Every structure is written in structure tokens, then in C-alpha cells.
Protein backbone atom coordinates (compact mmCIF):
# COMPACT_ATOMS: atom_id res chain seq x y z
CA PRO A 1 0.00 0.00 0.00
CA VAL A 2 1.09 3.57 -0.68
CA GLN A 3 2.04 5.38 2.50
CA PRO A 4 1.07 9.04 2.90
CA ARG A 5 3.92 11.48 2.60
CA LYS A 6 4.99 13.05 5.85
CA ALA A 7 6.74 16.41 5.81
CA LEU A 8 10.05 16.52 7.63
CA PRO A 9 10.12 18.94 10.58
CA THR A 10 11.76 22.29 9.97
CA ASN A 11 10.33 24.61 12.64
CA ASP A 12 11.41 24.51 16.28
CA ASN A 13 10.13 26.75 19.06
CA PHE A 14 12.58 25.12 21.54
CA ARG A 15 9.84 24.38 24.06
CA ASN A 16 10.18 20.60 24.25
CA TYR A 17 13.46 20.55 26.22
CA ARG A 18 15.13 18.50 23.53
CA LEU A 19 16.31 19.48 20.10
CA GLY A 20 14.13 18.53 17.15
CA MET A 21 15.29 15.70 14.92
CA GLN A 22 15.99 18.15 12.07
CA TRP A 23 18.99 19.66 13.87
CA GLU A 24 22.61 18.58 13.52
CA TRP A 25 25.75 20.00 15.13
CA ASN A 26 28.45 21.15 12.72
CA HIS A 27 31.13 20.00 15.22
CA ASN A 28 30.89 17.71 18.22
CA PRO A 29 28.93 19.89 20.66
CA ASN A 30 30.31 21.36 23.84
CA ASN A 31 27.38 20.45 26.06
CA GLY A 32 28.37 23.02 28.67
CA ALA A 33 27.91 25.84 26.16
CA TRP A 34 24.33 25.37 25.00
CA THR A 35 21.05 24.86 26.83
CA LEU A 36 17.29 24.75 26.44
CA PHE A 37 16.72 25.05 30.21
CA GLU A 38 18.22 28.38 31.33
CA ARG A 39 15.48 30.32 29.54
CA PRO A 40 12.50 28.09 28.72
CA GLY A 41 11.32 28.45 25.13
CA TRP A 42 14.73 29.65 23.93
CA LEU A 43 17.90 27.98 22.69
CA ARG A 44 20.89 29.58 24.41
CA LEU A 45 24.26 29.29 22.67
CA LYS A 46 27.45 30.36 24.45
CA THR A 47 30.90 31.08 23.09
CA THR A 48 33.65 28.53 23.75
CA GLY A 49 36.77 30.52 22.88
CA LYS A 50 38.04 33.04 20.35
CA VAL A 51 37.79 32.09 16.66
CA ASP A 52 38.74 34.00 13.52
CA ARG A 53 36.25 32.40 11.11
CA LEU A 54 32.67 31.26 11.33
CA ILE A 55 33.56 27.73 10.27
CA SER A 56 35.64 27.35 13.45
CA ALA A 57 32.80 28.30 15.79
CA CYS A 58 31.78 25.45 18.11
CA ASN A 59 28.14 24.62 18.78
CA MET A 60 26.85 25.72 15.40
CA LEU A 61 23.44 24.13 15.06
CA THR A 62 22.58 23.33 11.44
CA GLN A 63 19.56 22.18 9.46
CA ARG A 64 19.20 21.02 5.87
CA ILE A 65 17.76 23.48 3.38
CA PHE A 66 14.73 22.13 1.56
CA LEU A 67 14.11 24.01 -1.67
CA ALA A 68 10.50 24.42 -2.72
CA HIS A 69 9.38 22.84 -5.98
CA GLY A 70 8.27 25.16 -8.72
CA LYS A 71 9.65 28.02 -10.71
CA GLU A 72 13.29 29.06 -10.84
CA THR A 73 12.42 32.01 -8.61
CA SER A 74 10.91 29.90 -5.81
CA LEU A 75 12.70 30.11 -2.51
CA THR A 76 12.95 28.74 0.97
CA LYS A 77 13.72 30.84 4.01
CA GLY A 78 15.01 30.33 7.50
CA THR A 79 14.06 32.87 10.15
CA VAL A 80 15.28 33.17 13.71
CA CYS A 81 14.08 35.42 16.52
CA MET A 82 17.18 36.36 18.49
CA ASP A 83 17.77 38.08 21.82
CA ALA A 84 21.24 39.64 21.66
CA SER A 85 21.16 41.35 25.06
CA LYS A 86 23.69 38.98 26.66
CA LEU A 87 26.42 39.27 24.00
CA ALA A 88 29.86 40.19 25.32
CA GLU A 89 32.25 42.57 23.58
CA GLY A 90 33.39 41.05 20.29
CA ASP A 91 30.69 38.37 20.20
CA ARG A 92 28.74 37.65 17.03
CA ALA A 93 25.55 35.60 16.94
CA GLY A 94 23.16 34.98 14.10
CA ILE A 95 22.11 32.86 11.15
CA CYS A 96 24.26 31.55 8.31
CA ILE A 97 24.08 29.55 5.13
CA LEU A 98 26.84 26.99 5.40
CA GLN A 99 28.21 26.19 1.94
CA ASP A 100 31.19 27.46 0.02
CA PRO A 101 31.23 30.42 0.01
CA TYR A 102 29.48 30.64 3.36
CA VAL A 103 27.57 33.77 4.27
CA TYR A 104 25.99 35.05 7.46
CA LEU A 105 24.03 37.82 9.13
CA ALA A 106 24.85 38.42 12.77
CA VAL A 107 24.45 40.82 15.61
CA GLU A 108 27.86 41.92 16.85
CA LYS A 109 28.73 43.79 20.02
CA LYS A 110 31.45 46.34 19.30
CA ASN A 111 32.46 49.27 21.51
CA GLY A 112 29.53 48.43 23.74
CA GLN A 113 26.98 48.80 20.94
CA LEU A 114 24.99 46.18 19.04
CA ARG A 115 25.11 46.30 15.25
CA LEU A 116 24.25 44.09 12.30
CA VAL A 117 27.10 42.50 10.35
CA TRP A 118 26.74 40.72 7.01
CA ARG A 119 29.75 38.71 5.87
CA GLN A 120 30.73 36.13 3.28
CA ASP A 121 33.91 34.10 3.03
CA SER A 122 35.33 30.95 1.41
CA LEU A 123 36.20 27.68 3.10
CA ARG A 124 39.07 27.00 0.73
CA THR A 125 41.44 29.92 1.31
CA HIS A 126 41.26 33.48 2.51
CA ASP A 127 42.78 34.65 -0.78
CA GLU A 128 40.59 32.79 -3.27
CA PHE A 129 37.41 34.62 -2.31
CA THR A 130 37.77 38.16 -1.06
CA PRO A 131 35.90 38.51 2.23
CA SER A 132 33.53 41.44 2.37
CA GLU A 133 31.64 42.87 5.28
CA GLN A 134 28.77 45.29 5.39
CA VAL A 135 27.75 46.87 8.65
CA LEU A 136 24.52 48.70 9.45
CA GLU A 137 25.27 50.70 12.55
CA THR A 138 22.08 52.73 12.37
CA VAL A 139 19.79 49.81 13.24
CA ALA A 140 18.61 50.13 16.83
CA ILE A 141 18.82 46.62 18.23
CA LYS A 142 17.23 46.18 21.60
CA ASP A 143 16.12 42.91 23.16
CA THR A 144 15.08 41.00 20.06
CA ILE A 145 15.62 41.09 16.31
CA TYR A 146 14.53 38.77 13.52
CA LEU A 147 17.14 37.54 11.05
CA ARG A 148 16.21 35.78 7.82
CA ALA A 149 18.26 33.82 5.29
CA SER A 150 16.64 33.09 1.93
CA VAL A 151 17.84 30.60 -0.68
CA PHE A 152 16.45 30.68 -4.22
CA LYS A 153 16.19 27.62 -6.43
CA SER A 154 18.91 29.19 -8.61
CA GLY A 155 21.38 28.83 -5.71
CA LYS A 156 21.38 32.54 -4.92
CA THR A 157 21.00 33.74 -1.35
CA ARG A 158 19.70 36.89 0.31
CA PHE A 159 19.58 38.06 3.94
CA TYR A 160 17.03 40.27 5.69
CA TYR A 161 16.30 41.66 9.15
CA SER A 162 13.19 42.85 10.95
CA THR A 163 12.29 44.38 14.28
CA ASP A 164 8.65 43.24 14.21
CA ASN A 165 8.64 39.98 12.17
CA LYS A 166 6.41 41.71 9.61
CA THR A 167 8.49 44.12 7.57
CA TYR A 168 11.87 42.75 6.42
CA THR A 169 14.75 44.83 5.03
CA LYS A 170 17.48 43.49 2.73
CA ILE A 171 21.05 43.61 3.93
CA GLY A 172 24.29 42.59 2.25
CA GLN A 173 24.84 41.31 -1.23
CA GLU A 174 23.38 38.45 -3.19
CA THR A 175 25.62 35.38 -2.92
CA VAL A 176 25.74 32.49 -5.39
CA LEU A 177 26.42 29.13 -3.74
CA SER A 178 28.90 26.92 -5.56
CA PHE A 179 27.76 23.52 -4.16
CA ASN A 180 31.18 21.88 -4.19
CA LEU A 181 32.49 19.10 -1.96
CA SER A 182 34.27 21.41 0.48
CA VAL A 183 30.91 21.20 2.30
CA PHE A 184 29.99 17.59 1.66
CA VAL A 185 26.70 17.71 3.60
CA GLY A 186 25.13 20.21 1.19
CA ALA A 187 23.83 23.68 1.91
CA ARG A 188 22.57 24.16 5.45
CA TYR A 189 21.12 26.88 7.63
CA GLY A 190 23.11 27.42 10.79
CA LEU A 191 22.63 29.16 14.13
CA PHE A 192 25.80 30.26 15.89
CA CYS A 193 27.41 32.35 18.61
CA MET A 194 31.14 33.07 18.31
CA ALA A 195 33.72 35.19 20.10
CA THR A 196 36.15 37.30 18.08
CA GLU A 197 37.88 38.73 21.17
């Protein structure tokens, strides 16, 4: 008999005190640096030491990207509601698309102020793909902000932010994913918190 199709889980409100089956750690997790219990209904990620690149950040929680069927312009999007109030100086936390090149949108604390940082880089070498960073320092970030990563069927990506989860504003450049074997697990969304100081 034909079994009914069952959609794989993609959403997680972090209220079940265990991670959903759709999540996978990018590295072996440091279990002392993440929790679902300290603030019920929230995933809390903590830094585990200074890193110079996103790919080195421990406790990056990733999820496969499922592209919608349809026209070339169809897209899928990952959205996270983030509270950045506990970031320390030099910390960056946000959402990424893990592929090569990888690209992310994060809240960074610099000189005591919170700001949005969009960045892309290559896994292969620092020289092969010129890193670029765009910073919006005029965005007033208080307790929460919504970050969104969109992937189009064409392999292009776009990032957005919102303060109310209704109106989203573009930030950064469009990035074209290369889908090569430097990231053998395919393109993934990622949630991260890293220390640069």
C-alpha cells in the first residue's frame, strides 16, 4: 500500500526541552555551552573561545535546506528570533548559510553597541574569495531582532532583518552558492554564537 507522505520537521520553538530531529551539530557539541533550560522556550548558545572564522565556531546548530518545488524564482527561508542582550564585547551571533562560500548575518557587540554585520567568506582559502563585510550601525537593536536567510532555487542567497517579524529589510549582497564538496553535507542553515575577542 502507498504510505502518505509526511513532511520533515523544519520549525522549532525550543519548548520541548530537547532538540528537534531536524537539527545537527556542525562539530561535536560542547554540552556546557548550550542549553534549552536556562530560559525556557529559547535555545541559548554560548561562546567557547576566540575564533577568527565562522567555520571554526563550536556549537553551530545546522539544518538542511529544503528548496521548494516550482519556478526558478521559488525560494525557501530560514528565520530566527534572536535576543542579543547577553552578548559580550566582540561576540557575534546569528544565522548563516553553510556552503562554500558561506555567508551570514549576525548581531555583533562592538564598543559596547549592538550592530548588524553581514559577511561572506570561502572555506578554501582566505585569498581565493575576497571577504567582504557590510555593517549597518544605524539599526537600533534592543532585546530581540529577527534575522532571515533566503535561498532561491537558482542557488542565490539573500539576507534580511526585521524588528517586528512583519516588515523585512534586505542587507548585504546576493551570494551564489557553488555547491562543491568542500561542504559535503550540502547547503545548510546554521545558528551560531562566536567570540572574536
